[in-house]
N, C-alpha and C. Protein backbone atom coordinates (compact mmCIF):
# COMPACT_ATOMS: atom_id res chain seq x y z
N MET A 1 3.09 5.75 -24.41
CA MET A 1 1.69 6.14 -24.28
C MET A 1 1.53 7.09 -23.08
N THR A 2 0.78 8.14 -23.26
CA THR A 2 0.55 9.12 -22.21
C THR A 2 -0.13 8.50 -21.00
N ILE A 3 0.30 8.90 -19.83
CA ILE A 3 -0.34 8.46 -18.58
C ILE A 3 -1.16 9.62 -18.04
N HIS A 4 -2.44 9.43 -17.89
CA HIS A 4 -3.29 10.49 -17.39
C HIS A 4 -3.73 10.24 -15.93
N THR A 5 -3.93 8.97 -15.57
CA THR A 5 -4.48 8.66 -14.25
C THR A 5 -3.56 7.71 -13.50
N LEU A 6 -3.23 8.06 -12.26
CA LEU A 6 -2.48 7.18 -11.37
C LEU A 6 -3.40 6.78 -10.21
N ILE A 7 -3.50 5.47 -9.99
CA ILE A 7 -4.31 4.95 -8.89
C ILE A 7 -3.34 4.32 -7.90
N TRP A 8 -3.30 4.87 -6.70
CA TRP A 8 -2.24 4.58 -5.73
C TRP A 8 -2.71 3.64 -4.61
N ASP A 9 -1.87 2.68 -4.29
CA ASP A 9 -1.93 2.00 -3.00
C ASP A 9 -1.38 2.97 -1.95
N PHE A 10 -1.60 2.66 -0.68
CA PHE A 10 -1.18 3.59 0.39
C PHE A 10 0.05 3.06 1.15
N ASP A 11 -0.16 1.97 1.89
CA ASP A 11 0.92 1.46 2.76
C ASP A 11 2.10 0.97 1.93
N GLY A 12 3.26 1.51 2.20
CA GLY A 12 4.47 1.08 1.50
C GLY A 12 4.61 1.65 0.12
N THR A 13 3.67 2.49 -0.30
CA THR A 13 3.73 3.11 -1.63
C THR A 13 3.75 4.62 -1.48
N LEU A 14 2.66 5.20 -1.01
CA LEU A 14 2.66 6.65 -0.73
C LEU A 14 3.32 6.94 0.61
N PHE A 15 3.01 6.15 1.62
CA PHE A 15 3.51 6.41 2.97
C PHE A 15 4.36 5.25 3.46
N ASP A 16 5.42 5.60 4.19
CA ASP A 16 6.31 4.58 4.78
C ASP A 16 5.72 4.10 6.10
N THR A 17 4.68 3.34 6.05
CA THR A 17 3.96 2.92 7.24
C THR A 17 4.49 1.63 7.85
N TYR A 18 5.21 0.84 7.09
CA TYR A 18 5.61 -0.50 7.56
C TYR A 18 6.42 -0.47 8.86
N PRO A 19 7.34 0.47 9.06
CA PRO A 19 8.05 0.46 10.34
C PRO A 19 7.12 0.55 11.54
N PHE A 20 6.02 1.28 11.42
CA PHE A 20 5.09 1.43 12.52
C PHE A 20 4.16 0.23 12.63
N MET A 21 3.87 -0.40 11.51
CA MET A 21 3.09 -1.66 11.51
C MET A 21 3.90 -2.76 12.20
N VAL A 22 5.21 -2.81 11.88
CA VAL A 22 6.07 -3.82 12.51
C VAL A 22 6.21 -3.57 13.99
N ALA A 23 6.38 -2.30 14.36
CA ALA A 23 6.49 -1.94 15.78
C ALA A 23 5.22 -2.34 16.53
N ALA A 24 4.05 -2.12 15.93
CA ALA A 24 2.79 -2.50 16.56
C ALA A 24 2.69 -4.02 16.68
N PHE A 25 3.16 -4.73 15.69
CA PHE A 25 3.14 -6.18 15.69
C PHE A 25 4.03 -6.71 16.82
N ARG A 26 5.21 -6.10 16.96
CA ARG A 26 6.14 -6.50 18.02
C ARG A 26 5.50 -6.24 19.39
N GLN A 27 4.92 -5.08 19.57
CA GLN A 27 4.26 -4.78 20.85
C GLN A 27 3.14 -5.76 21.15
N ALA A 28 2.38 -6.14 20.14
CA ALA A 28 1.31 -7.10 20.35
C ALA A 28 1.86 -8.44 20.80
N LEU A 29 2.95 -8.88 20.17
CA LEU A 29 3.58 -10.13 20.57
C LEU A 29 4.12 -10.04 21.99
N ASN A 30 4.73 -8.92 22.32
CA ASN A 30 5.22 -8.69 23.69
C ASN A 30 4.10 -8.80 24.70
N GLN A 31 2.97 -8.17 24.40
CA GLN A 31 1.87 -8.17 25.35
C GLN A 31 1.29 -9.58 25.52
N LEU A 32 1.51 -10.43 24.53
CA LEU A 32 1.02 -11.81 24.63
C LEU A 32 2.09 -12.76 25.14
N GLY A 33 3.17 -12.18 25.68
CA GLY A 33 4.15 -13.00 26.38
C GLY A 33 5.36 -13.44 25.58
N ILE A 34 5.51 -12.91 24.37
CA ILE A 34 6.66 -13.28 23.53
C ILE A 34 7.82 -12.32 23.80
N ASP A 35 8.98 -12.87 24.12
CA ASP A 35 10.15 -12.08 24.46
C ASP A 35 10.76 -11.43 23.23
N ASP A 36 11.31 -10.24 23.40
CA ASP A 36 11.95 -9.51 22.29
C ASP A 36 12.96 -10.36 21.53
N ILE A 37 13.71 -11.15 22.24
CA ILE A 37 14.78 -11.91 21.60
C ILE A 37 14.25 -12.93 20.59
N GLU A 38 12.99 -13.29 20.73
CA GLU A 38 12.39 -14.26 19.82
C GLU A 38 11.82 -13.62 18.56
N ILE A 39 11.74 -12.28 18.55
CA ILE A 39 11.01 -11.58 17.47
C ILE A 39 12.01 -11.02 16.47
N ASP A 40 11.78 -11.31 15.20
CA ASP A 40 12.63 -10.83 14.12
C ASP A 40 11.83 -9.77 13.30
N ASP A 41 12.14 -8.50 13.55
CA ASP A 41 11.41 -7.42 12.87
C ASP A 41 11.51 -7.55 11.34
N GLN A 42 12.70 -7.88 10.83
CA GLN A 42 12.89 -7.97 9.39
C GLN A 42 12.01 -9.05 8.79
N GLU A 43 11.90 -10.16 9.47
CA GLU A 43 11.07 -11.27 8.99
C GLU A 43 9.59 -10.84 8.96
N ILE A 44 9.16 -10.13 9.98
CA ILE A 44 7.78 -9.63 9.99
C ILE A 44 7.55 -8.66 8.84
N TYR A 45 8.47 -7.74 8.64
CA TYR A 45 8.37 -6.78 7.54
C TYR A 45 8.31 -7.47 6.20
N GLU A 46 9.19 -8.41 5.97
CA GLU A 46 9.22 -9.07 4.65
C GLU A 46 7.97 -9.88 4.43
N THR A 47 7.42 -10.46 5.46
CA THR A 47 6.17 -11.21 5.31
C THR A 47 5.01 -10.28 4.95
N MET A 48 4.95 -9.12 5.62
CA MET A 48 3.92 -8.13 5.30
C MET A 48 4.06 -7.61 3.87
N ARG A 49 5.31 -7.29 3.47
CA ARG A 49 5.54 -6.73 2.14
C ARG A 49 5.31 -7.75 1.04
N GLN A 50 5.83 -8.95 1.22
CA GLN A 50 5.78 -9.96 0.16
C GLN A 50 4.41 -10.62 0.08
N HIS A 51 3.68 -10.58 1.17
CA HIS A 51 2.37 -11.25 1.20
C HIS A 51 1.31 -10.25 1.69
N ALA A 52 1.02 -10.28 3.01
CA ALA A 52 0.00 -9.39 3.57
C ALA A 52 0.05 -9.46 5.08
N LEU A 53 -0.62 -8.50 5.72
CA LEU A 53 -0.72 -8.52 7.17
C LEU A 53 -1.37 -9.81 7.65
N GLY A 54 -2.39 -10.27 6.94
CA GLY A 54 -3.06 -11.51 7.31
C GLY A 54 -2.14 -12.69 7.32
N THR A 55 -1.21 -12.71 6.36
CA THR A 55 -0.23 -13.81 6.31
C THR A 55 0.68 -13.74 7.55
N ALA A 56 1.09 -12.52 7.91
CA ALA A 56 1.94 -12.38 9.08
C ALA A 56 1.22 -12.82 10.35
N LEU A 57 -0.06 -12.47 10.46
CA LEU A 57 -0.84 -12.90 11.63
C LEU A 57 -0.91 -14.42 11.69
N GLN A 58 -1.15 -15.03 10.56
CA GLN A 58 -1.27 -16.51 10.52
C GLN A 58 0.07 -17.15 10.84
N GLN A 59 1.11 -16.66 10.21
CA GLN A 59 2.46 -17.28 10.37
C GLN A 59 2.98 -17.17 11.79
N PHE A 60 2.91 -15.98 12.36
CA PHE A 60 3.55 -15.75 13.65
C PHE A 60 2.67 -16.21 14.82
N SER A 61 1.38 -16.22 14.63
CA SER A 61 0.54 -16.82 15.70
C SER A 61 0.81 -18.30 15.78
N ALA A 62 0.99 -18.95 14.63
CA ALA A 62 1.33 -20.39 14.65
C ALA A 62 2.71 -20.64 15.23
N GLU A 63 3.67 -19.79 14.82
CA GLU A 63 5.05 -19.97 15.27
C GLU A 63 5.17 -19.85 16.80
N PHE A 64 4.39 -18.93 17.39
CA PHE A 64 4.52 -18.67 18.81
C PHE A 64 3.41 -19.31 19.63
N GLY A 65 2.57 -20.12 18.98
CA GLY A 65 1.53 -20.82 19.70
C GLY A 65 0.45 -19.90 20.24
N LEU A 66 0.09 -18.88 19.47
CA LEU A 66 -0.93 -17.90 19.90
C LEU A 66 -2.17 -18.07 19.05
N GLY A 67 -3.29 -17.57 19.52
CA GLY A 67 -4.50 -17.52 18.70
C GLY A 67 -4.38 -16.41 17.69
N ARG A 68 -4.72 -16.70 16.43
CA ARG A 68 -4.63 -15.66 15.42
C ARG A 68 -5.52 -14.47 15.75
N ASP A 69 -6.74 -14.72 16.18
CA ASP A 69 -7.66 -13.64 16.49
C ASP A 69 -7.15 -12.82 17.69
N GLN A 70 -6.53 -13.51 18.63
CA GLN A 70 -5.98 -12.83 19.80
C GLN A 70 -4.86 -11.87 19.37
N LEU A 71 -3.96 -12.34 18.51
CA LEU A 71 -2.89 -11.50 18.03
C LEU A 71 -3.43 -10.35 17.19
N ASN A 72 -4.38 -10.63 16.34
CA ASN A 72 -4.98 -9.60 15.50
C ASN A 72 -5.63 -8.51 16.36
N ASP A 73 -6.36 -8.92 17.39
CA ASP A 73 -7.03 -7.95 18.24
C ASP A 73 -6.03 -7.02 18.93
N ARG A 74 -4.94 -7.59 19.45
CA ARG A 74 -3.90 -6.77 20.11
C ARG A 74 -3.28 -5.82 19.09
N TYR A 75 -2.96 -6.35 17.92
CA TYR A 75 -2.36 -5.53 16.89
C TYR A 75 -3.28 -4.35 16.51
N ARG A 76 -4.53 -4.63 16.34
CA ARG A 76 -5.51 -3.59 15.93
C ARG A 76 -5.68 -2.54 17.00
N GLN A 77 -5.46 -2.90 18.24
CA GLN A 77 -5.54 -1.91 19.33
C GLN A 77 -4.32 -0.99 19.32
N ILE A 78 -3.15 -1.56 19.01
CA ILE A 78 -1.90 -0.80 19.13
C ILE A 78 -1.60 0.02 17.89
N GLU A 79 -1.86 -0.53 16.70
CA GLU A 79 -1.43 0.10 15.46
C GLU A 79 -1.93 1.54 15.32
N PRO A 80 -3.21 1.85 15.63
CA PRO A 80 -3.65 3.23 15.47
C PRO A 80 -2.92 4.24 16.35
N THR A 81 -2.30 3.78 17.44
CA THR A 81 -1.58 4.70 18.32
C THR A 81 -0.22 5.07 17.75
N LEU A 82 0.26 4.32 16.76
CA LEU A 82 1.59 4.55 16.19
C LEU A 82 1.56 5.08 14.78
N ILE A 83 0.50 4.75 14.02
CA ILE A 83 0.54 4.98 12.58
C ILE A 83 0.53 6.46 12.21
N GLY A 84 0.04 7.32 13.11
CA GLY A 84 0.03 8.75 12.84
C GLY A 84 1.41 9.36 12.67
N GLN A 85 2.46 8.61 13.07
CA GLN A 85 3.81 9.11 12.92
C GLN A 85 4.36 8.89 11.50
N ALA A 86 3.68 8.11 10.69
CA ALA A 86 4.16 7.77 9.36
C ALA A 86 4.19 9.01 8.45
N LYS A 87 5.14 9.02 7.55
CA LYS A 87 5.31 10.14 6.61
C LYS A 87 5.36 9.61 5.19
N PRO A 88 5.09 10.49 4.21
CA PRO A 88 5.20 10.07 2.81
C PRO A 88 6.66 9.73 2.48
N PHE A 89 6.86 8.85 1.53
CA PHE A 89 8.19 8.61 1.02
C PHE A 89 8.74 9.87 0.38
N ASP A 90 10.05 10.01 0.44
CA ASP A 90 10.71 11.14 -0.23
C ASP A 90 10.31 11.19 -1.71
N GLY A 91 9.88 12.35 -2.14
CA GLY A 91 9.54 12.53 -3.55
C GLY A 91 8.07 12.36 -3.89
N VAL A 92 7.28 11.89 -2.94
CA VAL A 92 5.84 11.69 -3.22
C VAL A 92 5.17 13.00 -3.57
N SER A 93 5.35 14.04 -2.78
CA SER A 93 4.69 15.30 -3.04
C SER A 93 5.06 15.88 -4.39
N HIS A 94 6.35 15.78 -4.73
CA HIS A 94 6.80 16.31 -6.01
C HIS A 94 6.15 15.59 -7.16
N LEU A 95 6.11 14.27 -7.08
CA LEU A 95 5.50 13.46 -8.16
C LEU A 95 4.01 13.78 -8.29
N LEU A 96 3.30 13.82 -7.17
CA LEU A 96 1.88 14.12 -7.21
C LEU A 96 1.62 15.48 -7.84
N ASN A 97 2.35 16.45 -7.40
CA ASN A 97 2.11 17.83 -7.91
C ASN A 97 2.54 17.98 -9.36
N ARG A 98 3.60 17.33 -9.75
CA ARG A 98 4.03 17.39 -11.17
C ARG A 98 2.93 16.84 -12.08
N HIS A 99 2.38 15.71 -11.68
CA HIS A 99 1.35 15.07 -12.51
C HIS A 99 0.07 15.94 -12.56
N LEU A 100 -0.29 16.53 -11.43
CA LEU A 100 -1.43 17.43 -11.42
C LEU A 100 -1.21 18.64 -12.33
N ALA A 101 -0.01 19.18 -12.25
CA ALA A 101 0.31 20.37 -13.06
C ALA A 101 0.24 20.07 -14.53
N ASN A 102 0.45 18.81 -14.90
CA ASN A 102 0.40 18.39 -16.30
C ASN A 102 -0.99 17.91 -16.72
N GLY A 103 -1.98 18.13 -15.83
CA GLY A 103 -3.33 17.79 -16.16
C GLY A 103 -3.76 16.37 -15.79
N GLY A 104 -2.92 15.68 -15.02
CA GLY A 104 -3.24 14.33 -14.61
C GLY A 104 -4.12 14.27 -13.39
N ARG A 105 -4.57 13.05 -13.07
CA ARG A 105 -5.39 12.84 -11.89
C ARG A 105 -4.82 11.70 -11.05
N HIS A 106 -5.10 11.78 -9.73
CA HIS A 106 -4.69 10.76 -8.77
C HIS A 106 -5.92 10.20 -8.06
N PHE A 107 -5.89 8.89 -7.80
CA PHE A 107 -6.91 8.23 -7.00
C PHE A 107 -6.22 7.33 -5.98
N LEU A 108 -6.93 7.02 -4.91
CA LEU A 108 -6.39 6.16 -3.86
C LEU A 108 -7.23 4.89 -3.78
N LEU A 109 -6.55 3.73 -3.75
CA LEU A 109 -7.20 2.46 -3.53
C LEU A 109 -6.39 1.69 -2.49
N THR A 110 -6.92 1.59 -1.27
CA THR A 110 -6.14 1.01 -0.17
C THR A 110 -7.00 0.10 0.69
N HIS A 111 -6.34 -0.91 1.26
CA HIS A 111 -7.02 -1.77 2.25
C HIS A 111 -7.08 -1.09 3.62
N ARG A 112 -6.30 -0.02 3.80
CA ARG A 112 -6.32 0.69 5.08
C ARG A 112 -7.65 1.44 5.22
N ASN A 113 -8.06 1.66 6.47
CA ASN A 113 -9.31 2.36 6.73
C ASN A 113 -9.14 3.88 6.60
N GLN A 114 -10.02 4.63 7.23
CA GLN A 114 -10.00 6.09 7.09
C GLN A 114 -8.70 6.73 7.61
N SER A 115 -7.91 5.98 8.33
CA SER A 115 -6.62 6.55 8.79
C SER A 115 -5.74 6.95 7.62
N ALA A 116 -5.92 6.30 6.45
CA ALA A 116 -5.16 6.71 5.27
C ALA A 116 -5.51 8.14 4.86
N LEU A 117 -6.80 8.46 4.91
CA LEU A 117 -7.24 9.80 4.50
C LEU A 117 -6.79 10.83 5.53
N THR A 118 -6.75 10.42 6.81
CA THR A 118 -6.28 11.32 7.85
C THR A 118 -4.81 11.65 7.63
N LEU A 119 -4.01 10.66 7.32
CA LEU A 119 -2.59 10.88 7.09
C LEU A 119 -2.35 11.74 5.86
N LEU A 120 -3.13 11.51 4.80
CA LEU A 120 -3.00 12.39 3.62
C LEU A 120 -3.31 13.82 3.99
N ALA A 121 -4.40 14.04 4.73
CA ALA A 121 -4.78 15.41 5.11
C ALA A 121 -3.74 16.04 6.01
N ASP A 122 -3.24 15.27 6.99
CA ASP A 122 -2.26 15.82 7.94
C ASP A 122 -0.97 16.23 7.27
N ASN A 123 -0.70 15.62 6.10
CA ASN A 123 0.54 15.92 5.39
C ASN A 123 0.31 16.76 4.14
N GLY A 124 -0.86 17.37 4.03
CA GLY A 124 -1.14 18.30 2.95
C GLY A 124 -1.30 17.68 1.59
N LEU A 125 -1.69 16.39 1.55
CA LEU A 125 -1.76 15.70 0.27
C LEU A 125 -3.18 15.32 -0.15
N ALA A 126 -4.15 15.50 0.71
CA ALA A 126 -5.49 15.01 0.44
C ALA A 126 -6.08 15.63 -0.83
N THR A 127 -5.80 16.90 -1.06
CA THR A 127 -6.43 17.59 -2.20
C THR A 127 -5.86 17.13 -3.53
N ALA A 128 -4.81 16.35 -3.50
CA ALA A 128 -4.22 15.84 -4.76
C ALA A 128 -5.07 14.72 -5.37
N PHE A 129 -6.00 14.17 -4.56
CA PHE A 129 -6.73 12.96 -5.00
C PHE A 129 -8.18 13.31 -5.38
N SER A 130 -8.55 12.83 -6.58
CA SER A 130 -9.90 13.08 -7.09
C SER A 130 -10.94 12.12 -6.53
N GLY A 131 -10.49 10.99 -6.00
CA GLY A 131 -11.43 10.01 -5.43
C GLY A 131 -10.66 8.96 -4.66
N THR A 132 -11.32 8.30 -3.72
CA THR A 132 -10.66 7.33 -2.89
C THR A 132 -11.57 6.13 -2.62
N VAL A 133 -10.95 4.96 -2.45
CA VAL A 133 -11.62 3.77 -1.93
C VAL A 133 -10.73 3.21 -0.84
N THR A 134 -11.28 3.10 0.37
CA THR A 134 -10.52 2.59 1.52
C THR A 134 -11.05 1.22 1.92
N GLY A 135 -10.39 0.67 2.95
CA GLY A 135 -10.80 -0.60 3.47
C GLY A 135 -12.17 -0.59 4.12
N ASP A 136 -12.73 0.58 4.35
CA ASP A 136 -14.07 0.68 4.92
C ASP A 136 -15.15 0.44 3.85
N SER A 137 -14.75 0.41 2.60
CA SER A 137 -15.70 0.15 1.50
C SER A 137 -15.97 -1.36 1.41
N PRO A 138 -17.09 -1.76 0.82
CA PRO A 138 -17.51 -3.16 0.84
C PRO A 138 -16.88 -4.05 -0.24
N TYR A 139 -15.93 -3.52 -1.01
CA TYR A 139 -15.38 -4.28 -2.10
C TYR A 139 -14.44 -5.40 -1.60
N PRO A 140 -14.33 -6.48 -2.38
CA PRO A 140 -13.36 -7.51 -2.04
C PRO A 140 -11.94 -6.97 -2.17
N ARG A 141 -11.01 -7.64 -1.51
CA ARG A 141 -9.63 -7.14 -1.45
C ARG A 141 -8.91 -7.42 -2.75
N LYS A 142 -7.91 -6.60 -3.02
CA LYS A 142 -7.02 -6.84 -4.16
C LYS A 142 -6.39 -8.22 -3.99
N PRO A 143 -6.15 -8.94 -5.08
CA PRO A 143 -6.15 -8.51 -6.49
C PRO A 143 -7.47 -8.55 -7.21
N ASP A 144 -8.58 -8.79 -6.50
CA ASP A 144 -9.88 -8.67 -7.11
C ASP A 144 -10.01 -7.23 -7.68
N PRO A 145 -10.47 -7.10 -8.94
CA PRO A 145 -10.50 -5.75 -9.56
C PRO A 145 -11.75 -4.94 -9.29
N ALA A 146 -12.64 -5.44 -8.44
CA ALA A 146 -13.95 -4.78 -8.28
C ALA A 146 -13.82 -3.31 -7.86
N ALA A 147 -12.97 -3.04 -6.87
CA ALA A 147 -12.81 -1.66 -6.41
C ALA A 147 -12.20 -0.78 -7.50
N LEU A 148 -11.23 -1.31 -8.20
CA LEU A 148 -10.62 -0.55 -9.30
C LEU A 148 -11.65 -0.27 -10.38
N ASN A 149 -12.41 -1.29 -10.74
CA ASN A 149 -13.44 -1.08 -11.75
C ASN A 149 -14.45 -0.04 -11.33
N ALA A 150 -14.80 -0.01 -10.05
CA ALA A 150 -15.74 0.99 -9.55
C ALA A 150 -15.18 2.40 -9.71
N LEU A 151 -13.90 2.58 -9.34
CA LEU A 151 -13.27 3.89 -9.53
C LEU A 151 -13.27 4.27 -11.01
N ILE A 152 -12.90 3.34 -11.85
CA ILE A 152 -12.80 3.59 -13.29
C ILE A 152 -14.14 4.01 -13.86
N GLU A 153 -15.19 3.32 -13.44
CA GLU A 153 -16.53 3.63 -13.98
C GLU A 153 -17.08 4.91 -13.39
N THR A 154 -16.87 5.12 -12.09
CA THR A 154 -17.41 6.32 -11.43
C THR A 154 -16.81 7.59 -11.98
N TYR A 155 -15.48 7.54 -12.22
CA TYR A 155 -14.76 8.77 -12.63
C TYR A 155 -14.40 8.78 -14.12
N ALA A 156 -15.00 7.90 -14.89
CA ALA A 156 -14.79 7.86 -16.35
C ALA A 156 -13.30 7.84 -16.69
N ILE A 157 -12.57 6.95 -16.04
CA ILE A 157 -11.14 6.81 -16.26
C ILE A 157 -10.90 5.99 -17.53
N ASP A 158 -10.03 6.50 -18.37
CA ASP A 158 -9.62 5.78 -19.61
C ASP A 158 -8.60 4.72 -19.19
N ARG A 159 -8.97 3.47 -19.36
CA ARG A 159 -8.08 2.38 -18.93
C ARG A 159 -6.76 2.39 -19.68
N THR A 160 -6.74 2.88 -20.89
CA THR A 160 -5.50 2.86 -21.68
C THR A 160 -4.47 3.87 -21.17
N THR A 161 -4.91 4.85 -20.39
CA THR A 161 -3.99 5.88 -19.88
C THR A 161 -3.89 5.85 -18.37
N ALA A 162 -4.29 4.73 -17.75
CA ALA A 162 -4.28 4.60 -16.29
C ALA A 162 -3.22 3.60 -15.84
N VAL A 163 -2.67 3.82 -14.65
CA VAL A 163 -1.66 2.94 -14.07
C VAL A 163 -2.00 2.73 -12.60
N MET A 164 -1.97 1.49 -12.14
CA MET A 164 -2.09 1.15 -10.73
C MET A 164 -0.69 1.11 -10.13
N VAL A 165 -0.44 1.86 -9.08
CA VAL A 165 0.86 1.96 -8.45
C VAL A 165 0.80 1.30 -7.05
N GLY A 166 1.67 0.33 -6.82
CA GLY A 166 1.66 -0.34 -5.51
C GLY A 166 2.98 -1.01 -5.23
N ASP A 167 3.11 -1.50 -3.99
CA ASP A 167 4.40 -2.08 -3.56
C ASP A 167 4.37 -3.60 -3.48
N ARG A 168 3.25 -4.21 -3.88
CA ARG A 168 3.16 -5.66 -3.78
C ARG A 168 2.61 -6.27 -5.06
N THR A 169 2.83 -7.55 -5.23
CA THR A 169 2.35 -8.25 -6.43
C THR A 169 0.87 -8.10 -6.60
N LEU A 170 0.11 -8.15 -5.48
CA LEU A 170 -1.33 -8.08 -5.58
C LEU A 170 -1.84 -6.76 -6.16
N ASP A 171 -1.07 -5.67 -5.96
CA ASP A 171 -1.45 -4.38 -6.53
C ASP A 171 -1.34 -4.44 -8.08
N ILE A 172 -0.25 -5.01 -8.55
CA ILE A 172 -0.06 -5.13 -10.00
C ILE A 172 -1.10 -6.05 -10.60
N GLU A 173 -1.37 -7.15 -9.93
CA GLU A 173 -2.36 -8.08 -10.41
C GLU A 173 -3.75 -7.47 -10.45
N ALA A 174 -4.07 -6.65 -9.45
CA ALA A 174 -5.37 -5.94 -9.46
C ALA A 174 -5.48 -5.03 -10.68
N GLY A 175 -4.40 -4.30 -10.94
CA GLY A 175 -4.38 -3.45 -12.14
C GLY A 175 -4.59 -4.24 -13.41
N HIS A 176 -3.85 -5.29 -13.57
CA HIS A 176 -3.96 -6.12 -14.77
C HIS A 176 -5.36 -6.74 -14.87
N ASN A 177 -5.90 -7.15 -13.74
CA ASN A 177 -7.25 -7.72 -13.75
C ASN A 177 -8.31 -6.72 -14.14
N ALA A 178 -8.02 -5.45 -13.94
CA ALA A 178 -8.94 -4.37 -14.34
C ALA A 178 -8.61 -3.84 -15.72
N GLY A 179 -7.60 -4.38 -16.36
CA GLY A 179 -7.26 -3.97 -17.72
C GLY A 179 -6.43 -2.72 -17.80
N ILE A 180 -5.66 -2.42 -16.72
CA ILE A 180 -4.76 -1.27 -16.77
C ILE A 180 -3.34 -1.73 -16.45
N ARG A 181 -2.39 -0.83 -16.70
CA ARG A 181 -0.99 -1.15 -16.44
C ARG A 181 -0.64 -1.02 -14.95
N GLY A 182 0.49 -1.60 -14.59
CA GLY A 182 0.92 -1.59 -13.21
C GLY A 182 2.31 -1.05 -13.03
N ALA A 183 2.54 -0.29 -11.94
CA ALA A 183 3.87 0.19 -11.57
C ALA A 183 4.21 -0.35 -10.19
N LEU A 184 5.31 -1.08 -10.08
CA LEU A 184 5.73 -1.68 -8.82
C LEU A 184 6.77 -0.77 -8.15
N PHE A 185 6.42 -0.26 -6.98
CA PHE A 185 7.35 0.53 -6.17
C PHE A 185 7.90 -0.41 -5.10
N ASP A 186 9.19 -0.74 -5.22
CA ASP A 186 9.74 -1.84 -4.43
C ASP A 186 11.03 -1.46 -3.72
N PRO A 187 10.93 -0.64 -2.65
CA PRO A 187 12.13 -0.36 -1.85
C PRO A 187 12.68 -1.66 -1.26
N GLY A 188 13.99 -1.82 -1.35
CA GLY A 188 14.59 -3.03 -0.80
C GLY A 188 14.58 -4.21 -1.76
N ARG A 189 13.92 -4.06 -2.90
CA ARG A 189 13.85 -5.15 -3.91
C ARG A 189 13.44 -6.47 -3.29
N LEU A 190 12.28 -6.48 -2.63
CA LEU A 190 11.79 -7.65 -1.97
C LEU A 190 10.79 -8.46 -2.80
N ILE A 191 10.31 -7.86 -3.87
CA ILE A 191 9.26 -8.47 -4.68
C ILE A 191 9.82 -9.02 -5.97
N ASN A 192 9.47 -10.26 -6.29
CA ASN A 192 9.86 -10.87 -7.57
C ASN A 192 8.91 -10.37 -8.66
N GLU A 193 9.39 -9.41 -9.44
CA GLU A 193 8.50 -8.79 -10.44
C GLU A 193 8.11 -9.78 -11.52
N LYS A 194 8.85 -10.89 -11.65
CA LYS A 194 8.50 -11.90 -12.67
C LYS A 194 7.16 -12.55 -12.38
N ASN A 195 6.71 -12.43 -11.13
CA ASN A 195 5.40 -13.03 -10.79
C ASN A 195 4.23 -12.17 -11.24
N SER A 196 4.49 -10.86 -11.41
CA SER A 196 3.38 -9.97 -11.76
C SER A 196 3.61 -9.16 -13.02
N HIS A 197 4.83 -9.10 -13.50
CA HIS A 197 5.16 -8.41 -14.76
C HIS A 197 4.67 -6.96 -14.83
N PRO A 198 5.13 -6.11 -13.89
CA PRO A 198 4.73 -4.71 -13.94
C PRO A 198 5.32 -4.02 -15.16
N GLU A 199 4.56 -3.07 -15.70
CA GLU A 199 5.06 -2.31 -16.84
C GLU A 199 6.10 -1.28 -16.42
N PHE A 200 6.10 -0.89 -15.13
CA PHE A 200 7.06 0.05 -14.58
C PHE A 200 7.57 -0.50 -13.27
N LEU A 201 8.85 -0.22 -13.00
CA LEU A 201 9.48 -0.75 -11.79
C LEU A 201 10.45 0.29 -11.21
N ALA A 202 10.37 0.54 -9.91
CA ALA A 202 11.24 1.52 -9.29
C ALA A 202 11.44 1.20 -7.83
N THR A 203 12.61 1.61 -7.28
CA THR A 203 12.89 1.42 -5.86
C THR A 203 12.86 2.72 -5.08
N GLN A 204 12.83 3.85 -5.79
CA GLN A 204 12.73 5.18 -5.16
C GLN A 204 11.69 5.99 -5.93
N MET A 205 11.12 6.98 -5.27
CA MET A 205 10.04 7.75 -5.88
C MET A 205 10.55 8.56 -7.09
N ALA A 206 11.77 9.08 -7.01
CA ALA A 206 12.31 9.82 -8.16
C ALA A 206 12.47 8.89 -9.36
N GLU A 207 12.86 7.66 -9.09
CA GLU A 207 12.99 6.69 -10.16
C GLU A 207 11.64 6.34 -10.76
N LEU A 208 10.62 6.25 -9.91
CA LEU A 208 9.27 5.98 -10.41
C LEU A 208 8.79 7.15 -11.25
N GLU A 209 9.02 8.37 -10.80
CA GLU A 209 8.63 9.55 -11.57
C GLU A 209 9.26 9.55 -12.96
N ALA A 210 10.54 9.22 -12.99
CA ALA A 210 11.24 9.19 -14.29
C ALA A 210 10.67 8.07 -15.19
N ALA A 211 10.36 6.91 -14.59
CA ALA A 211 9.82 5.83 -15.39
C ALA A 211 8.46 6.15 -15.96
N LEU A 212 7.66 6.86 -15.21
CA LEU A 212 6.30 7.16 -15.65
C LEU A 212 6.23 8.30 -16.64
N PHE A 213 7.08 9.32 -16.49
CA PHE A 213 6.87 10.55 -17.21
C PHE A 213 7.99 10.96 -18.19
N ASN A 214 9.16 10.30 -18.10
CA ASN A 214 10.27 10.74 -18.97
C ASN A 214 10.39 9.84 -20.19
């Protein structure tokens, strides 16, 4: 079936932001008195990828005897100073432009705030997107389909030719809850796709492009 519309998650899907999120998390822990030797970057990354930032805040504040709000506040102060260094995954620009050239459309649905739009603009990708919903919007978080449904209704998206693209189970679930297909972009193979049953699965952007269009 032809794919006309791609609705993209941002963190870990379009942009490789997790290394900077983990670095900010480590710095926040350091500032709250946790020694480097006690911090496992890979464990933080896997918790963020497999679950959410909120899960990481809850888990590691409990592990280190910190207040969750205290850790969150420090993280939120530090992360904006680092995230501007993030870049798109290899192959993102090619995939976006190929789909546009074939008459397709792209939309953004992310829990990240306006910094996502800034990063898209700074990397010459903003004009590829016909519409966006960021974390500054009042919709409930994925996998609730409210934000997706709003995009679909606002831009007259045909659900039968639309795909939600994301790096976590909740992205695929959001797509399915909105009645569209899901594509799981899973570098490192950290996500158990059996939990969400994506229609497309890839670990690299070129592989995702081939799965969607070939």
